Amino acid sequence: MPALILLADPLENTLRQMTTVLSEAGHLVAPVRSFATARHLLTTVYPDLLVTAVRLDTSNGLHLARHSRVDRPEMPVIITHGVDDQALSREAKRSDAMFVVDPLVDPTFLPRVRSAVAAYRAHHSPIRRWPRKVVGTVVHADVTTTHGRLLDVSYGGVRFALSDKARLPGTFDLTVPGTGVTVTARPVWTSRGTHEELWCGAEVIDPLAAEGWRDFVDATC
């Protein structure tokens, strides 16, 4: 089952590149650009790892790491920064976090991500009830009156991308055109993705009763 990584960085280009690197390594990524959004997500989802930049709007990643210890005391944290800074490295260590300089260049970054996730999962069973399957090709979906694209699916949930101007109700119908499949879902988390998109993770309501959904998930590559 892919790891869910909460990625926080205020720089759009860096966030996009980091998301790509982590996604291509097989991880699911919830990218955010602000301290407030990241902290909110930590109260609603269960990441396997938090990766955050030091500079994070009016606050910083060290503060976020400390706040994460309140509800997720054993979740691993990686603090990233563009240059080496021994003072920040010591602060990260005091917050029980790893410190990585320029993760887009550092060859140890992805191995450290894998190691942190593996160590965490060795003592914590994944929260998700069903494994997710990454959608290998572009699959469009209708979400209420908006068009979007599926990112990954499972029997009990779905992650998709919409226009960042989209507004989601408390529950909504998601339809996969051409398949006859429609499920009712409720948003669990949302965050700004890449290319002016809004990403959403949603729970499928009563997936066992959703006709055709399990077959669609099984057929997804």
C-alpha atoms as a PDB file:
ATOM      1  CA  MET A   1       0.000   0.000   0.000  1.00  0.00           C
ATOM      2  CA  PRO A   2       1.544   3.367  -0.982  1.00  0.00           C
ATOM      3  CA  ALA A   3       2.577   5.678   1.820  1.00  0.00           C
ATOM      4  CA  LEU A   4       0.709   8.941   2.287  1.00  0.00           C
ATOM      5  CA  ILE A   5       3.117  11.869   2.611  1.00  0.00           C
ATOM      6  CA  LEU A   6       2.040  15.319   3.725  1.00  0.00           C
ATOM      7  CA  LEU A   7       4.317  17.733   1.870  1.00  0.00           C
ATOM      8  CA  ALA A   8       4.463  21.405   2.911  1.00  0.00           C
ATOM      9  CA  ASP A   9       6.403  24.052   0.994  1.00  0.00           C
ATOM     10  CA  PRO A  10       5.369  27.646   0.194  1.00  0.00           C
ATOM     11  CA  LEU A  11       7.202  27.742  -3.162  1.00  0.00           C
ATOM     12  CA  GLU A  12       4.912  26.504  -5.930  1.00  0.00           C
ATOM     13  CA  ASN A  13       7.715  25.340  -8.222  1.00  0.00           C
ATOM     14  CA  THR A  14       9.504  23.469  -5.439  1.00  0.00           C
ATOM     15  CA  LEU A  15       6.233  21.944  -4.248  1.00  0.00           C
ATOM     16  CA  ARG A  16       5.462  20.737  -7.764  1.00  0.00           C
ATOM     17  CA  GLN A  17       8.911  19.218  -8.263  1.00  0.00           C
ATOM     18  CA  MET A  18       8.904  17.553  -4.849  1.00  0.00           C
ATOM     19  CA  THR A  19       5.442  16.148  -5.485  1.00  0.00           C
ATOM     20  CA  THR A  20       6.636  14.677  -8.773  1.00  0.00           C
ATOM     21  CA  VAL A  21       9.734  13.117  -7.205  1.00  0.00           C
ATOM     22  CA  LEU A  22       7.785  11.519  -4.365  1.00  0.00           C
ATOM     23  CA  SER A  23       4.905  10.404  -6.609  1.00  0.00           C
ATOM     24  CA  GLU A  24       7.286   8.781  -9.098  1.00  0.00           C
ATOM     25  CA  ALA A  25       8.843   6.926  -6.163  1.00  0.00           C
ATOM     26  CA  GLY A  26       5.436   5.345  -5.563  1.00  0.00           C
ATOM     27  CA  HIS A  27       4.113   7.504  -2.733  1.00  0.00           C
ATOM     28  CA  LEU A  28       0.786   9.303  -2.432  1.00  0.00           C
ATOM     29  CA  VAL A  29       1.358  12.998  -1.799  1.00  0.00           C
ATOM     30  CA  ALA A  30      -0.866  15.647  -0.225  1.00  0.00           C
ATOM     31  CA  PRO A  31       0.913  18.910  -1.164  1.00  0.00           C
ATOM     32  CA  VAL A  32       0.142  22.138   0.710  1.00  0.00           C
ATOM     33  CA  ARG A  33       1.667  25.610   0.692  1.00  0.00           C
ATOM     34  CA  SER A  34       0.798  26.945   4.144  1.00  0.00           C
ATOM     35  CA  PHE A  35       1.273  26.131   7.805  1.00  0.00           C
ATOM     36  CA  ALA A  36      -2.468  26.498   8.486  1.00  0.00           C
ATOM     37  CA  THR A  37      -3.477  24.029   5.763  1.00  0.00           C
ATOM     38  CA  ALA A  38      -0.858  21.510   6.829  1.00  0.00           C
ATOM     39  CA  ARG A  39      -1.894  21.722  10.468  1.00  0.00           C
ATOM     40  CA  HIS A  40      -5.550  21.289   9.515  1.00  0.00           C
ATOM     41  CA  LEU A  41      -4.752  18.183   7.472  1.00  0.00           C
ATOM     42  CA  LEU A  42      -2.896  16.690  10.414  1.00  0.00           C
ATOM     43  CA  THR A  43      -6.209  16.706  12.305  1.00  0.00           C
ATOM     44  CA  THR A  44      -8.157  15.017   9.498  1.00  0.00           C
ATOM     45  CA  VAL A  45      -5.838  12.514   7.791  1.00  0.00           C
ATOM     46  CA  TYR A  46      -3.184  10.035   8.927  1.00  0.00           C
ATOM     47  CA  PRO A  47       0.039  10.596   6.973  1.00  0.00           C
ATOM     48  CA  ASP A  48       2.887   8.116   7.164  1.00  0.00           C
ATOM     49  CA  LEU A  49       5.374  10.979   6.946  1.00  0.00           C
ATOM     50  CA  LEU A  50       5.486  14.772   7.141  1.00  0.00           C
ATOM     51  CA  VAL A  51       7.980  16.559   4.890  1.00  0.00           C
ATOM     52  CA  THR A  52       8.074  20.308   5.481  1.00  0.00           C
ATOM     53  CA  ALA A  53      10.248  23.238   4.492  1.00  0.00           C
ATOM     54  CA  VAL A  54      11.742  25.382   7.255  1.00  0.00           C
ATOM     55  CA  ARG A  55      10.182  28.544   5.867  1.00  0.00           C
ATOM     56  CA  LEU A  56       6.406  28.181   5.825  1.00  0.00           C
ATOM     57  CA  ASP A  57       4.518  31.511   5.469  1.00  0.00           C
ATOM     58  CA  THR A  58       4.375  33.369   8.810  1.00  0.00           C
ATOM     59  CA  SER A  59       5.425  30.279  10.751  1.00  0.00           C
ATOM     60  CA  ASN A  60       7.917  27.546   9.933  1.00  0.00           C
ATOM     61  CA  GLY A  61       8.354  23.828   9.559  1.00  0.00           C
ATOM     62  CA  LEU A  62       9.927  23.456  12.986  1.00  0.00           C
ATOM     63  CA  HIS A  63       6.739  24.804  14.556  1.00  0.00           C
ATOM     64  CA  LEU A  64       4.714  22.413  12.402  1.00  0.00           C
ATOM     65  CA  ALA A  65       6.875  19.501  13.506  1.00  0.00           C
ATOM     66  CA  ARG A  66       6.291  20.385  17.147  1.00  0.00           C
ATOM     67  CA  HIS A  67       2.538  20.747  16.612  1.00  0.00           C
ATOM     68  CA  SER A  68       2.430  17.377  14.832  1.00  0.00           C
ATOM     69  CA  ARG A  69       3.743  15.714  17.984  1.00  0.00           C
ATOM     70  CA  VAL A  70       0.513  16.557  19.804  1.00  0.00           C
ATOM     71  CA  ASP A  71      -1.734  14.270  17.723  1.00  0.00           C
ATOM     72  CA  ARG A  72       0.876  12.232  15.809  1.00  0.00           C
ATOM     73  CA  PRO A  73       3.716  11.755  18.326  1.00  0.00           C
ATOM     74  CA  GLU A  74       5.318   8.847  16.455  1.00  0.00           C
ATOM     75  CA  MET A  75       4.887  10.081  12.877  1.00  0.00           C
ATOM     76  CA  PRO A  76       8.295  10.698  11.255  1.00  0.00           C
ATOM     77  CA  VAL A  77       9.143  14.233  10.141  1.00  0.00           C
ATOM     78  CA  ILE A  78      11.683  15.499   7.622  1.00  0.00           C
ATOM     79  CA  ILE A  79      12.608  19.196   7.697  1.00  0.00           C
ATOM     80  CA  THR A  80      14.012  20.555   4.411  1.00  0.00           C
ATOM     81  CA  HIS A  81      16.025  23.682   3.701  1.00  0.00           C
ATOM     82  CA  GLY A  82      17.865  25.133   0.729  1.00  0.00           C
ATOM     83  CA  VAL A  83      21.237  25.528   2.473  1.00  0.00           C
ATOM     84  CA  ASP A  84      23.115  23.813   5.264  1.00  0.00           C
ATOM     85  CA  ASP A  85      22.439  25.427   8.631  1.00  0.00           C
ATOM     86  CA  GLN A  86      23.821  23.746  11.720  1.00  0.00           C
ATOM     87  CA  ALA A  87      21.560  25.720  14.064  1.00  0.00           C
ATOM     88  CA  LEU A  88      18.454  24.585  12.167  1.00  0.00           C
ATOM     89  CA  SER A  89      19.803  21.040  12.054  1.00  0.00           C
ATOM     90  CA  ARG A  90      20.152  21.045  15.835  1.00  0.00           C
ATOM     91  CA  GLU A  91      16.634  22.480  16.219  1.00  0.00           C
ATOM     92  CA  ALA A  92      15.252  19.749  13.959  1.00  0.00           C
ATOM     93  CA  LYS A  93      17.006  17.102  16.017  1.00  0.00           C
ATOM     94  CA  ARG A  94      15.535  18.555  19.211  1.00  0.00           C
ATOM     95  CA  SER A  95      12.114  18.227  17.553  1.00  0.00           C
ATOM     96  CA  ASP A  96      12.931  14.569  16.777  1.00  0.00           C
ATOM     97  CA  ALA A  97      12.965  15.339  13.046  1.00  0.00           C
ATOM     98  CA  MET A  98      15.452  14.643  10.260  1.00  0.00           C
ATOM     99  CA  PHE A  99      17.090  17.580   8.480  1.00  0.00           C
ATOM    100  CA  VAL A 100      17.702  17.398   4.719  1.00  0.00           C
ATOM    101  CA  VAL A 101      19.483  20.083   2.703  1.00  0.00           C
ATOM    102  CA  ASP A 102      18.158  20.643  -0.846  1.00  0.00           C
ATOM    103  CA  PRO A 103      16.166  17.394  -1.136  1.00  0.00           C
ATOM    104  CA  LEU A 104      15.805  17.754  -4.921  1.00  0.00           C
ATOM    105  CA  VAL A 105      19.581  17.311  -5.182  1.00  0.00           C
ATOM    106  CA  ASP A 106      20.472  15.234  -2.116  1.00  0.00           C
ATOM    107  CA  PRO A 107      20.670  11.560  -3.230  1.00  0.00           C
ATOM    108  CA  THR A 108      19.903  10.384   0.310  1.00  0.00           C
ATOM    109  CA  PHE A 109      16.477  12.055   0.401  1.00  0.00           C
ATOM    110  CA  LEU A 110      14.370   9.265  -1.145  1.00  0.00           C
ATOM    111  CA  PRO A 111      16.191   6.488   0.767  1.00  0.00           C
ATOM    112  CA  ARG A 112      15.555   8.409   3.985  1.00  0.00           C
ATOM    113  CA  VAL A 113      11.883   8.764   3.055  1.00  0.00           C
ATOM    114  CA  ARG A 114      11.615   5.013   2.433  1.00  0.00           C
ATOM    115  CA  SER A 115      13.455   4.206   5.656  1.00  0.00           C
ATOM    116  CA  ALA A 116      11.292   6.545   7.740  1.00  0.00           C
ATOM    117  CA  VAL A 117       8.056   5.143   6.300  1.00  0.00           C
ATOM    118  CA  ALA A 118       9.211   1.545   6.747  1.00  0.00           C
ATOM    119  CA  ALA A 119      10.214   2.130  10.377  1.00  0.00           C
ATOM    120  CA  TYR A 120       6.897   3.834  11.111  1.00  0.00           C
ATOM    121  CA  ARG A 121       4.841   1.114   9.463  1.00  0.00           C
ATOM    122  CA  ALA A 122       6.725  -1.608  11.273  1.00  0.00           C
ATOM    123  CA  HIS A 123       4.908  -0.487  14.422  1.00  0.00           C
ATOM    124  CA  HIS A 124       1.719   0.979  12.954  1.00  0.00           C
ATOM    125  CA  SER A 125      -0.759  -0.763  10.690  1.00  0.00           C
ATOM    126  CA  PRO A 126      -1.938   1.442   7.813  1.00  0.00           C
ATOM    127  CA  ILE A 127      -5.228   3.186   8.591  1.00  0.00           C
ATOM    128  CA  ARG A 128      -6.682   2.640   5.147  1.00  0.00           C
ATOM    129  CA  ARG A 129      -9.023  -0.330   4.939  1.00  0.00           C
ATOM    130  CA  TRP A 130      -8.342  -1.138   1.280  1.00  0.00           C
ATOM    131  CA  PRO A 131      -5.192  -0.714  -0.831  1.00  0.00           C
ATOM    132  CA  ARG A 132      -5.238   2.124  -3.323  1.00  0.00           C
ATOM    133  CA  LYS A 133      -4.461   1.658  -7.006  1.00  0.00           C
ATOM    134  CA  VAL A 134      -2.796   4.469  -8.908  1.00  0.00           C
ATOM    135  CA  VAL A 135      -4.688   5.311 -12.090  1.00  0.00           C
ATOM    136  CA  GLY A 136      -2.086   4.797 -14.811  1.00  0.00           C
ATOM    137  CA  THR A 137      -3.895   6.649 -17.593  1.00  0.00           C
ATOM    138  CA  VAL A 138      -6.028   9.786 -17.636  1.00  0.00           C
ATOM    139  CA  VAL A 139      -9.515   8.842 -16.411  1.00  0.00           C
ATOM    140  CA  HIS A 140     -12.013  11.682 -16.299  1.00  0.00           C
ATOM    141  CA  ALA A 141     -14.826  11.831 -13.777  1.00  0.00           C
ATOM    142  CA  ASP A 142     -17.830  14.053 -13.165  1.00  0.00           C
ATOM    143  CA  VAL A 143     -17.961  15.412  -9.620  1.00  0.00           C
ATOM    144  CA  THR A 144     -21.333  17.080  -9.075  1.00  0.00           C
ATOM    145  CA  THR A 145     -21.340  19.617 -11.961  1.00  0.00           C
ATOM    146  CA  THR A 146     -17.545  19.735 -12.342  1.00  0.00           C
ATOM    147  CA  HIS A 147     -15.178  17.655 -14.481  1.00  0.00           C
ATOM    148  CA  GLY A 148     -12.066  16.194 -12.881  1.00  0.00           C
ATOM    149  CA  ARG A 149      -9.552  13.388 -13.253  1.00  0.00           C
ATOM    150  CA  LEU A 150      -8.904  10.392 -11.026  1.00  0.00           C
ATOM    151  CA  LEU A 151      -5.485  10.001  -9.391  1.00  0.00           C
ATOM    152  CA  ASP A 152      -5.965   6.784  -7.435  1.00  0.00           C
ATOM    153  CA  VAL A 153      -8.849   4.597  -6.306  1.00  0.00           C
ATOM    154  CA  SER A 154      -9.685   1.901  -3.781  1.00  0.00           C
ATOM    155  CA  TYR A 155     -12.865   0.082  -2.815  1.00  0.00           C
ATOM    156  CA  GLY A 156     -13.453   2.594  -0.035  1.00  0.00           C
ATOM    157  CA  GLY A 157     -11.976   5.807  -1.342  1.00  0.00           C
ATOM    158  CA  VAL A 158     -10.800   7.919  -4.235  1.00  0.00           C
ATOM    159  CA  ARG A 159      -8.341  10.746  -4.817  1.00  0.00           C
ATOM    160  CA  PHE A 160      -9.010  13.136  -7.677  1.00  0.00           C
ATOM    161  CA  ALA A 161      -8.045  16.526  -9.097  1.00  0.00           C
ATOM    162  CA  LEU A 162     -10.367  19.389 -10.019  1.00  0.00           C
ATOM    163  CA  SER A 163     -10.065  23.013 -10.998  1.00  0.00           C
ATOM    164  CA  ASP A 164      -8.808  24.951  -7.977  1.00  0.00           C
ATOM    165  CA  LYS A 165     -11.965  27.081  -8.196  1.00  0.00           C
ATOM    166  CA  ALA A 166     -14.213  24.072  -7.589  1.00  0.00           C
ATOM    167  CA  ARG A 167     -16.339  23.906  -4.445  1.00  0.00           C
ATOM    168  CA  LEU A 168     -17.309  20.556  -2.979  1.00  0.00           C
ATOM    169  CA  PRO A 169     -20.436  19.949  -0.890  1.00  0.00           C
ATOM    170  CA  GLY A 170     -20.480  17.731   2.201  1.00  0.00           C
ATOM    171  CA  THR A 171     -21.428  14.752   0.022  1.00  0.00           C
ATOM    172  CA  PHE A 172     -21.400  14.448  -3.747  1.00  0.00           C
ATOM    173  CA  ASP A 173     -21.904  11.983  -6.604  1.00  0.00           C
ATOM    174  CA  LEU A 174     -18.846  10.944  -8.603  1.00  0.00           C
ATOM    175  CA  THR A 175     -19.516   9.459 -12.043  1.00  0.00           C
ATOM    176  CA  VAL A 176     -17.024   7.777 -14.363  1.00  0.00           C
ATOM    177  CA  PRO A 177     -18.324   8.508 -17.890  1.00  0.00           C
ATOM    178  CA  GLY A 178     -18.740   5.532 -20.188  1.00  0.00           C
ATOM    179  CA  THR A 179     -18.788   2.986 -17.373  1.00  0.00           C
ATOM    180  CA  GLY A 180     -22.203   3.501 -15.838  1.00  0.00           C
ATOM    181  CA  VAL A 181     -20.492   3.771 -12.452  1.00  0.00           C
ATOM    182  CA  THR A 182     -21.651   6.389  -9.954  1.00  0.00           C
ATOM    183  CA  VAL A 183     -20.708   6.482  -6.271  1.00  0.00           C
ATOM    184  CA  THR A 184     -21.636   8.819  -3.453  1.00  0.00           C
ATOM    185  CA  ALA A 185     -18.647  10.157  -1.544  1.00  0.00           C
ATOM    186  CA  ARG A 186     -17.705  12.659   1.146  1.00  0.00           C
ATOM    187  CA  PRO A 187     -14.505  14.723   1.151  1.00  0.00           C
ATOM    188  CA  VAL A 188     -11.953  13.816   3.836  1.00  0.00           C
ATOM    189  CA  TRP A 189      -9.241  16.281   2.890  1.00  0.00           C
ATOM    190  CA  THR A 190      -8.473  18.812   0.182  1.00  0.00           C
ATOM    191  CA  SER A 191      -5.285  20.607  -0.766  1.00  0.00           C
ATOM    192  CA  ARG A 192      -3.893  22.651  -3.614  1.00  0.00           C
ATOM    193  CA  GLY A 193      -2.111  20.361  -6.039  1.00  0.00           C
ATOM    194  CA  THR A 194      -0.122  21.314  -9.090  1.00  0.00           C
ATOM    195  CA  HIS A 195      -1.077  23.234 -12.244  1.00  0.00           C
ATOM    196  CA  GLU A 196      -3.818  25.235 -10.477  1.00  0.00           C
ATOM    197  CA  GLU A 197      -5.665  22.124  -9.363  1.00  0.00           C
ATOM    198  CA  LEU A 198      -7.529  21.252  -6.189  1.00  0.00           C
ATOM    199  CA  TRP A 199      -6.766  17.738  -4.959  1.00  0.00           C
ATOM    200  CA  CYS A 200      -9.278  15.870  -2.842  1.00  0.00           C
ATOM    201  CA  GLY A 201      -9.259  12.615  -0.938  1.00  0.00           C
ATOM    202  CA  ALA A 202     -12.778  11.272  -0.438  1.00  0.00           C
ATOM    203  CA  GLU A 203     -14.452   8.340   1.269  1.00  0.00           C
ATOM    204  CA  VAL A 204     -16.875   6.294  -0.802  1.00  0.00           C
ATOM    205  CA  ILE A 205     -20.124   5.927   1.133  1.00  0.00           C
ATOM    206  CA  ASP A 206     -21.320   2.315   1.263  1.00  0.00           C
ATOM    207  CA  PRO A 207     -18.848   0.991  -1.347  1.00  0.00           C
ATOM    208  CA  LEU A 208     -20.251  -2.525  -1.152  1.00  0.00           C
ATOM    209  CA  ALA A 209     -23.599  -1.241  -2.434  1.00  0.00           C
ATOM    210  CA  ALA A 210     -22.117   0.913  -5.204  1.00  0.00           C
ATOM    211  CA  GLU A 211     -22.901  -1.056  -8.339  1.00  0.00           C
ATOM    212  CA  GLY A 212     -19.901  -1.496 -10.608  1.00  0.00           C
ATOM    213  CA  TRP A 213     -17.434   0.409  -8.416  1.00  0.00           C
ATOM    214  CA  ARG A 214     -15.488  -2.604  -7.163  1.00  0.00           C
ATOM    215  CA  ASP A 215     -15.275  -3.970 -10.719  1.00  0.00           C
ATOM    216  CA  PHE A 216     -14.001  -0.595 -11.911  1.00  0.00           C
ATOM    217  CA  VAL A 217     -11.329  -0.535  -9.167  1.00  0.00           C
ATOM    218  CA  ASP A 218     -10.300  -4.105  -9.984  1.00  0.00           C
ATOM    219  CA  ALA A 219      -9.907  -3.195 -13.657  1.00  0.00           C
ATOM    220  CA  THR A 220      -7.843  -0.071 -12.963  1.00  0.00           C
ATOM    221  CA  CYS A 221      -4.147  -0.325 -13.817  1.00  0.00           C
END
